[in-house]
Amino acid sequence: GKFPGYLSYSANLKFADVPNGLAAISKVPALGWAQVVAYAGFCELSAGSDDWKTGTPGDYGFKVLTSSDPAEKEKKLCAELANGRLAMMATIGMFFQDGLTGSAWGDWAL
């Protein structure tokens, strides 16, 4: 399932015409990627850019997921860091598989 309609009217490019995986990078127009980068930058900079200068990054005062106990908080932060690194490695593995086979998910029909 892909979105109905056009990704780019000027290029006559429909969402259905864009392939999955890394092949999509070359099909989406450069202005489309510029819009994605601009929106991501807007989201990063509009969410209180002074917070990263003055406070602890990622500390929003929500203690349900973290903890008031420093040892417990350190344990949870280390687990979060390890899980983030694992997710990055999995993503790199999917990119590698997609580059080799053309499919990031594998061929489950075999």
Protein backbone atom coordinates (compact mmCIF):
# COMPACT_ATOMS: atom_id res chain seq x y z
CA GLY A 1 0.00 0.00 0.00
CA LYS A 2 1.24 3.34 -1.12
CA PHE A 3 -0.41 6.72 -0.96
CA PRO A 4 -2.76 7.49 -3.83
CA GLY A 5 -2.06 10.46 -6.04
CA TYR A 6 1.02 12.34 -7.15
CA LEU A 7 4.33 12.80 -5.39
CA SER A 8 5.25 15.49 -7.94
CA TYR A 9 2.75 16.97 -10.38
CA SER A 10 5.45 18.76 -12.39
CA ALA A 11 7.44 15.54 -12.88
CA ASN A 12 4.24 13.49 -13.39
CA LEU A 13 5.48 11.15 -10.64
CA LYS A 14 2.94 9.14 -8.67
CA PHE A 15 3.60 7.51 -5.30
CA ALA A 16 2.93 4.14 -6.93
CA ASP A 17 5.81 4.78 -9.38
CA VAL A 18 8.41 5.12 -6.61
CA PRO A 19 10.12 1.81 -5.80
CA ASN A 20 10.83 0.64 -2.27
CA GLY A 21 14.25 0.72 -0.64
CA LEU A 22 17.33 2.55 -1.82
CA ALA A 23 16.05 2.74 -5.39
CA ALA A 24 13.60 5.42 -4.23
CA ILE A 25 16.46 7.87 -3.62
CA SER A 26 17.09 8.37 -7.32
CA LYS A 27 13.39 8.57 -8.23
CA VAL A 28 12.34 11.36 -5.84
CA PRO A 29 13.17 14.82 -7.24
CA ALA A 30 15.93 16.82 -5.52
CA LEU A 31 13.44 19.49 -4.44
CA GLY A 32 11.44 16.78 -2.67
CA TRP A 33 14.51 15.75 -0.66
CA ALA A 34 15.19 19.43 0.07
CA GLN A 35 11.68 19.72 1.50
CA VAL A 36 12.28 16.70 3.74
CA VAL A 37 15.56 18.16 5.03
CA ALA A 38 14.00 21.61 5.52
CA TYR A 39 11.07 20.16 7.49
CA ALA A 40 13.40 18.08 9.69
CA GLY A 41 15.48 21.19 10.35
CA PHE A 42 12.35 23.17 11.21
CA CYS A 43 11.26 20.48 13.68
CA GLU A 44 14.71 20.40 15.31
CA LEU A 45 15.08 24.16 15.62
CA SER A 46 11.52 25.07 16.58
CA ALA A 47 11.32 22.79 19.61
CA GLY A 48 13.09 25.13 22.01
CA SER A 49 16.64 25.51 20.74
CA ASP A 50 17.70 27.10 24.05
CA ASP A 51 17.02 23.82 25.89
CA TRP A 52 20.07 22.11 24.45
CA LYS A 53 22.29 25.00 25.58
CA THR A 54 21.06 25.29 29.15
CA GLY A 55 19.58 21.94 30.19
CA THR A 56 20.39 18.26 30.06
CA PRO A 57 19.62 16.92 26.56
CA GLY A 58 16.62 14.64 26.55
CA ASP A 59 15.60 15.48 30.12
CA TYR A 60 12.07 16.81 29.94
CA GLY A 61 11.25 16.20 33.60
CA PHE A 62 9.14 13.12 32.77
CA LYS A 63 10.25 10.59 35.39
CA VAL A 64 8.02 7.68 34.38
CA LEU A 65 10.49 6.35 31.82
CA THR A 66 13.61 7.52 33.65
CA SER A 67 14.05 7.58 37.40
CA SER A 68 14.78 9.88 40.31
CA ASP A 69 17.38 7.37 41.53
CA PRO A 70 20.72 8.23 39.83
CA ALA A 71 21.86 4.58 39.60
CA GLU A 72 18.55 3.44 38.05
CA LYS A 73 18.57 6.41 35.67
CA GLU A 74 22.14 5.58 34.56
CA LYS A 75 21.11 1.96 33.92
CA LYS A 76 18.11 3.01 31.84
CA LEU A 77 20.13 5.56 29.86
CA CYS A 78 22.78 2.94 29.08
CA ALA A 79 20.07 0.52 27.94
CA GLU A 80 18.57 3.23 25.72
CA LEU A 81 21.98 3.97 24.21
CA ALA A 82 22.64 0.27 23.55
CA ASN A 83 19.21 -0.19 21.95
CA GLY A 84 19.79 2.86 19.76
CA ARG A 85 23.11 1.47 18.58
CA LEU A 86 21.50 -1.90 17.85
CA ALA A 87 18.77 -0.18 15.82
CA MET A 88 21.39 1.71 13.81
CA MET A 89 23.24 -1.53 13.04
CA ALA A 90 19.98 -3.20 11.96
CA THR A 91 19.21 -0.26 9.67
CA ILE A 92 22.70 -0.41 8.13
CA GLY A 93 22.17 -4.16 7.60
CA MET A 94 18.91 -3.48 5.80
CA PHE A 95 20.64 -0.90 3.58
CA PHE A 96 23.37 -3.41 2.78
CA GLN A 97 20.86 -6.16 1.99
CA ASP A 98 18.83 -3.79 -0.18
CA GLY A 99 21.98 -2.76 -2.06
CA LEU A 100 22.88 -6.40 -2.74
CA THR A 101 19.49 -7.92 -3.45
CA GLY A 102 17.21 -4.98 -4.25
CA SER A 103 14.94 -5.88 -1.34
CA ALA A 104 15.44 -4.77 2.25
CA TRP A 105 12.99 -7.37 3.57
CA GLY A 106 14.21 -10.44 1.72
CA ASP A 107 12.25 -12.76 -0.51
CA TRP A 108 9.87 -14.63 1.78
CA ALA A 109 8.40 -16.58 -1.15
CA LEU A 110 11.38 -18.94 -1.29
